[in-house]
Amino acid sequence: MKTLFILNDPPYGTERCYNALRLAQALLKTEPPPEVSVFLMADAVACAKTGQTTPDGY
């Protein structure tokens, strides 16, 4: 099975991007592992950056 996630939401203020990343990770743990692609555009690019600190108010 092939799955493509296209994410466009900002990393803060909504959890949709993080939920999509968690779903993609969970899919990779299934047998047989599917082809999973994640396309990050606009504000969603910041969701995948490691070492982030949450800004005040979130």
N, C-alpha and C. Protein backbone atom coordinates (compact mmCIF):
# COMPACT_ATOMS: atom_id res chain seq x y z
N MET A 1 0.85 -1.16 0.00
CA MET A 1 0.00 0.00 0.00
C MET A 1 0.90 1.24 0.00
N LYS A 2 0.52 2.25 -0.76
CA LYS A 2 1.24 3.52 -0.81
C LYS A 2 0.38 4.58 -0.14
N THR A 3 1.01 5.38 0.72
CA THR A 3 0.30 6.45 1.41
C THR A 3 1.10 7.73 1.29
N LEU A 4 0.43 8.81 0.96
CA LEU A 4 1.05 10.12 0.85
C LEU A 4 0.34 11.08 1.80
N PHE A 5 1.11 11.72 2.67
CA PHE A 5 0.59 12.75 3.55
C PHE A 5 1.08 14.09 3.02
N ILE A 6 0.17 15.03 2.78
CA ILE A 6 0.52 16.38 2.37
C ILE A 6 0.12 17.30 3.52
N LEU A 7 1.12 17.89 4.15
CA LEU A 7 0.87 18.71 5.34
C LEU A 7 1.15 20.18 5.02
N ASN A 8 0.23 21.05 5.48
CA ASN A 8 0.34 22.47 5.18
C ASN A 8 0.06 23.32 6.41
N ASP A 9 -0.33 22.74 7.52
CA ASP A 9 -0.70 23.51 8.71
C ASP A 9 0.54 23.93 9.50
N PRO A 10 0.44 25.01 10.26
CA PRO A 10 1.57 25.44 11.08
C PRO A 10 1.79 24.46 12.24
N PRO A 11 3.00 24.45 12.81
CA PRO A 11 3.29 23.50 13.88
C PRO A 11 2.59 23.84 15.20
N TYR A 12 2.19 25.10 15.38
CA TYR A 12 1.56 25.49 16.63
C TYR A 12 0.17 26.01 16.36
N GLY A 13 -0.73 25.81 17.33
CA GLY A 13 -2.11 26.26 17.19
C GLY A 13 -3.05 25.16 16.73
N THR A 14 -2.51 24.09 16.18
CA THR A 14 -3.30 22.94 15.74
C THR A 14 -2.42 21.70 15.87
N GLU A 15 -3.03 20.56 16.04
CA GLU A 15 -2.26 19.33 16.18
C GLU A 15 -2.35 18.45 14.93
N ARG A 16 -2.93 18.96 13.87
CA ARG A 16 -3.13 18.14 12.68
C ARG A 16 -1.83 17.63 12.08
N CYS A 17 -0.81 18.47 12.00
CA CYS A 17 0.47 18.02 11.42
C CYS A 17 1.11 16.95 12.28
N TYR A 18 1.13 17.17 13.59
CA TYR A 18 1.75 16.18 14.47
C TYR A 18 0.97 14.86 14.45
N ASN A 19 -0.34 14.94 14.38
CA ASN A 19 -1.14 13.72 14.29
C ASN A 19 -0.83 12.97 12.99
N ALA A 20 -0.66 13.70 11.90
CA ALA A 20 -0.33 13.05 10.63
C ALA A 20 1.04 12.39 10.69
N LEU A 21 2.01 13.05 11.33
CA LEU A 21 3.34 12.46 11.47
C LEU A 21 3.30 11.21 12.35
N ARG A 22 2.50 11.27 13.41
CA ARG A 22 2.35 10.08 14.28
C ARG A 22 1.67 8.94 13.54
N LEU A 23 0.67 9.24 12.71
CA LEU A 23 0.01 8.22 11.92
C LEU A 23 0.97 7.60 10.91
N ALA A 24 1.78 8.44 10.26
CA ALA A 24 2.76 7.92 9.31
C ALA A 24 3.74 6.97 10.00
N GLN A 25 4.19 7.35 11.19
CA GLN A 25 5.11 6.50 11.94
C GLN A 25 4.44 5.18 12.35
N ALA A 26 3.19 5.24 12.76
CA ALA A 26 2.46 4.02 13.14
C ALA A 26 2.26 3.10 11.94
N LEU A 27 1.99 3.67 10.77
CA LEU A 27 1.82 2.85 9.57
C LEU A 27 3.09 2.08 9.24
N LEU A 28 4.25 2.69 9.47
CA LEU A 28 5.52 2.03 9.16
C LEU A 28 5.79 0.82 10.06
N LYS A 29 5.08 0.73 11.17
CA LYS A 29 5.27 -0.39 12.09
C LYS A 29 4.38 -1.59 11.74
N THR A 30 3.50 -1.43 10.74
CA THR A 30 2.62 -2.53 10.36
C THR A 30 3.36 -3.52 9.47
N GLU A 31 2.82 -4.71 9.35
CA GLU A 31 3.41 -5.75 8.49
C GLU A 31 2.48 -6.06 7.35
N PRO A 32 2.90 -6.07 6.14
CA PRO A 32 4.19 -5.59 5.64
C PRO A 32 4.20 -4.06 5.65
N PRO A 33 5.37 -3.46 5.87
CA PRO A 33 5.42 -2.00 5.92
C PRO A 33 5.06 -1.37 4.57
N PRO A 34 4.17 -0.40 4.58
CA PRO A 34 3.76 0.25 3.33
C PRO A 34 4.79 1.31 2.91
N GLU A 35 4.61 1.82 1.70
CA GLU A 35 5.40 2.97 1.25
C GLU A 35 4.71 4.21 1.80
N VAL A 36 5.42 4.95 2.64
CA VAL A 36 4.85 6.15 3.24
C VAL A 36 5.69 7.34 2.79
N SER A 37 5.03 8.36 2.25
CA SER A 37 5.69 9.60 1.86
C SER A 37 5.02 10.75 2.60
N VAL A 38 5.84 11.69 3.06
CA VAL A 38 5.32 12.88 3.75
C VAL A 38 5.84 14.09 3.00
N PHE A 39 4.93 14.92 2.53
CA PHE A 39 5.29 16.15 1.83
C PHE A 39 4.91 17.32 2.72
N LEU A 40 5.92 18.07 3.15
CA LEU A 40 5.70 19.22 4.02
C LEU A 40 5.82 20.49 3.19
N MET A 41 4.83 21.35 3.31
CA MET A 41 4.88 22.60 2.56
C MET A 41 4.51 23.75 3.47
N ALA A 42 5.01 24.93 3.14
CA ALA A 42 4.72 26.17 3.86
C ALA A 42 5.08 26.03 5.34
N ASP A 43 4.14 26.33 6.23
CA ASP A 43 4.41 26.31 7.67
C ASP A 43 4.67 24.92 8.22
N ALA A 44 4.23 23.90 7.54
CA ALA A 44 4.38 22.53 8.03
C ALA A 44 5.84 22.08 8.06
N VAL A 45 6.71 22.75 7.33
CA VAL A 45 8.12 22.38 7.30
C VAL A 45 8.71 22.44 8.71
N ALA A 46 8.26 23.39 9.52
CA ALA A 46 8.78 23.53 10.88
C ALA A 46 8.34 22.38 11.79
N CYS A 47 7.34 21.60 11.41
CA CYS A 47 6.88 20.48 12.25
C CYS A 47 7.92 19.39 12.37
N ALA A 48 8.71 19.19 11.36
CA ALA A 48 9.65 18.08 11.35
C ALA A 48 11.03 18.47 11.89
N LYS A 49 11.21 19.71 12.25
CA LYS A 49 12.50 20.17 12.75
C LYS A 49 12.72 19.66 14.17
N THR A 50 13.89 19.05 14.41
CA THR A 50 14.19 18.54 15.75
C THR A 50 14.71 19.65 16.64
N GLY A 51 14.59 19.47 17.95
CA GLY A 51 15.14 20.41 18.91
C GLY A 51 14.37 21.69 19.04
N GLN A 52 13.11 21.68 18.72
CA GLN A 52 12.31 22.90 18.84
C GLN A 52 11.93 23.16 20.28
N THR A 53 11.74 24.40 20.62
CA THR A 53 11.18 24.76 21.91
C THR A 53 9.82 25.41 21.64
N THR A 54 8.85 25.04 22.44
CA THR A 54 7.50 25.55 22.25
C THR A 54 7.46 27.03 22.65
N PRO A 55 6.93 27.89 21.80
CA PRO A 55 6.85 29.31 22.16
C PRO A 55 5.87 29.53 23.31
N ASP A 56 6.06 30.64 24.02
CA ASP A 56 5.16 30.99 25.12
C ASP A 56 3.72 31.10 24.61
N GLY A 57 2.79 30.59 25.39
CA GLY A 57 1.38 30.67 25.02
C GLY A 57 0.84 29.42 24.35
N TYR A 58 1.70 28.42 24.08
CA TYR A 58 1.23 27.20 23.44
C TYR A 58 1.52 26.02 24.30
